[in-house]
């Protein structure tokens, strides 16, 4: 499943490991959060929103909008 978080990370200038480091999240956990395998904690949502400069509501919408769907 492609999530809004995953698409935002892929389109961001920082690599995933740097985003995870800045957010204080283990890189493996961030990967699982971005694919929807784990529930995202409120503090993780805020940290990722701040780092990625995207509103929480956009990062964690139900389904990502992709061109190929």
C-alpha atoms as a PDB file:
ATOM      1  CA  UNK A   1       0.000   0.000   0.000  1.00  0.00           C
ATOM      2  CA  UNK A   2       1.310   3.419  -0.914  1.00  0.00           C
ATOM      3  CA  UNK A   3       0.593   5.914   1.848  1.00  0.00           C
ATOM      4  CA  UNK A   4       0.740   9.709   1.797  1.00  0.00           C
ATOM      5  CA  UNK A   5       3.639   9.494   4.233  1.00  0.00           C
ATOM      6  CA  UNK A   6       5.567   7.173   1.899  1.00  0.00           C
ATOM      7  CA  UNK A   7       5.022   9.429  -1.123  1.00  0.00           C
ATOM      8  CA  UNK A   8       6.069  12.499   0.839  1.00  0.00           C
ATOM      9  CA  UNK A   9       9.250  10.777   2.029  1.00  0.00           C
ATOM     10  CA  UNK A  10      10.074   9.642  -1.510  1.00  0.00           C
ATOM     11  CA  UNK A  11       9.615  13.190  -2.829  1.00  0.00           C
ATOM     12  CA  UNK A  12      11.612  14.831  -0.028  1.00  0.00           C
ATOM     13  CA  UNK A  13      15.213  15.936  -0.459  1.00  0.00           C
ATOM     14  CA  UNK A  14      16.411  14.069   2.655  1.00  0.00           C
ATOM     15  CA  UNK A  15      16.922  10.300   2.588  1.00  0.00           C
ATOM     16  CA  UNK A  16      14.713   8.194   4.858  1.00  0.00           C
ATOM     17  CA  UNK A  17      17.466   7.484   7.384  1.00  0.00           C
ATOM     18  CA  UNK A  18      18.032  11.259   7.889  1.00  0.00           C
ATOM     19  CA  UNK A  19      14.303  11.881   8.307  1.00  0.00           C
ATOM     20  CA  UNK A  20      14.158   9.081  10.882  1.00  0.00           C
ATOM     21  CA  UNK A  21      17.187  10.475  12.719  1.00  0.00           C
ATOM     22  CA  UNK A  22      15.750  14.004  12.852  1.00  0.00           C
ATOM     23  CA  UNK A  23      12.373  12.665  14.025  1.00  0.00           C
ATOM     24  CA  UNK A  24      13.939  10.473  16.704  1.00  0.00           C
ATOM     25  CA  UNK A  25      12.458   7.351  15.107  1.00  0.00           C
ATOM     26  CA  UNK A  26      14.261   4.125  14.266  1.00  0.00           C
ATOM     27  CA  UNK A  27      14.666   3.848  10.487  1.00  0.00           C
ATOM     28  CA  UNK A  28      13.028   0.414  10.412  1.00  0.00           C
ATOM     29  CA  UNK A  29      10.042   1.761  12.341  1.00  0.00           C
ATOM     30  CA  UNK A  30       9.738   4.717   9.964  1.00  0.00           C
ATOM     31  CA  UNK A  31       9.757   2.331   7.024  1.00  0.00           C
ATOM     32  CA  UNK A  32       6.960   0.308   8.585  1.00  0.00           C
ATOM     33  CA  UNK A  33       5.009   3.445   9.472  1.00  0.00           C
ATOM     34  CA  UNK A  34       5.321   4.656   5.894  1.00  0.00           C
ATOM     35  CA  UNK A  35       3.860   1.434   4.512  1.00  0.00           C
ATOM     36  CA  UNK A  36       0.999   1.406   6.989  1.00  0.00           C
ATOM     37  CA  UNK A  37       2.182  -1.645   8.935  1.00  0.00           C
ATOM     38  CA  UNK A  38       2.348   0.163  12.283  1.00  0.00           C
ATOM     39  CA  UNK A  39       0.119   2.703  14.001  1.00  0.00           C
ATOM     40  CA  UNK A  40       1.746   6.143  14.140  1.00  0.00           C
ATOM     41  CA  UNK A  41       1.973   7.784  17.571  1.00  0.00           C
ATOM     42  CA  UNK A  42       0.817  11.367  17.996  1.00  0.00           C
ATOM     43  CA  UNK A  43       4.339  12.620  18.764  1.00  0.00           C
ATOM     44  CA  UNK A  44       5.704  10.817  15.687  1.00  0.00           C
ATOM     45  CA  UNK A  45       3.066  12.494  13.520  1.00  0.00           C
ATOM     46  CA  UNK A  46       4.042  15.917  14.833  1.00  0.00           C
ATOM     47  CA  UNK A  47       7.776  15.288  14.390  1.00  0.00           C
ATOM     48  CA  UNK A  48       7.389  13.993  10.832  1.00  0.00           C
ATOM     49  CA  UNK A  49       5.044  16.828   9.907  1.00  0.00           C
ATOM     50  CA  UNK A  50       7.569  19.386  11.124  1.00  0.00           C
ATOM     51  CA  UNK A  51      10.555  17.760   9.370  1.00  0.00           C
ATOM     52  CA  UNK A  52       8.728  17.150   6.099  1.00  0.00           C
ATOM     53  CA  UNK A  53       6.981  20.570   6.267  1.00  0.00           C
ATOM     54  CA  UNK A  54       3.598  19.045   5.507  1.00  0.00           C
ATOM     55  CA  UNK A  55       0.405  19.241   7.607  1.00  0.00           C
ATOM     56  CA  UNK A  56      -0.322  16.142   9.692  1.00  0.00           C
ATOM     57  CA  UNK A  57      -3.682  15.764   7.952  1.00  0.00           C
ATOM     58  CA  UNK A  58      -1.965  15.488   4.564  1.00  0.00           C
ATOM     59  CA  UNK A  59       0.704  13.047   5.747  1.00  0.00           C
ATOM     60  CA  UNK A  60      -1.749  10.647   7.303  1.00  0.00           C
ATOM     61  CA  UNK A  61      -4.741  10.711   4.989  1.00  0.00           C
ATOM     62  CA  UNK A  62      -6.443   7.378   4.419  1.00  0.00           C
ATOM     63  CA  UNK A  63      -5.083   6.811   0.936  1.00  0.00           C
ATOM     64  CA  UNK A  64      -2.404   8.435  -1.161  1.00  0.00           C
ATOM     65  CA  UNK A  65      -3.189   9.997  -4.497  1.00  0.00           C
ATOM     66  CA  UNK A  66      -0.985   8.470  -7.170  1.00  0.00           C
ATOM     67  CA  UNK A  67      -0.849   8.961 -10.897  1.00  0.00           C
ATOM     68  CA  UNK A  68      -0.762   5.242 -11.724  1.00  0.00           C
ATOM     69  CA  UNK A  69      -3.895   4.137  -9.893  1.00  0.00           C
END
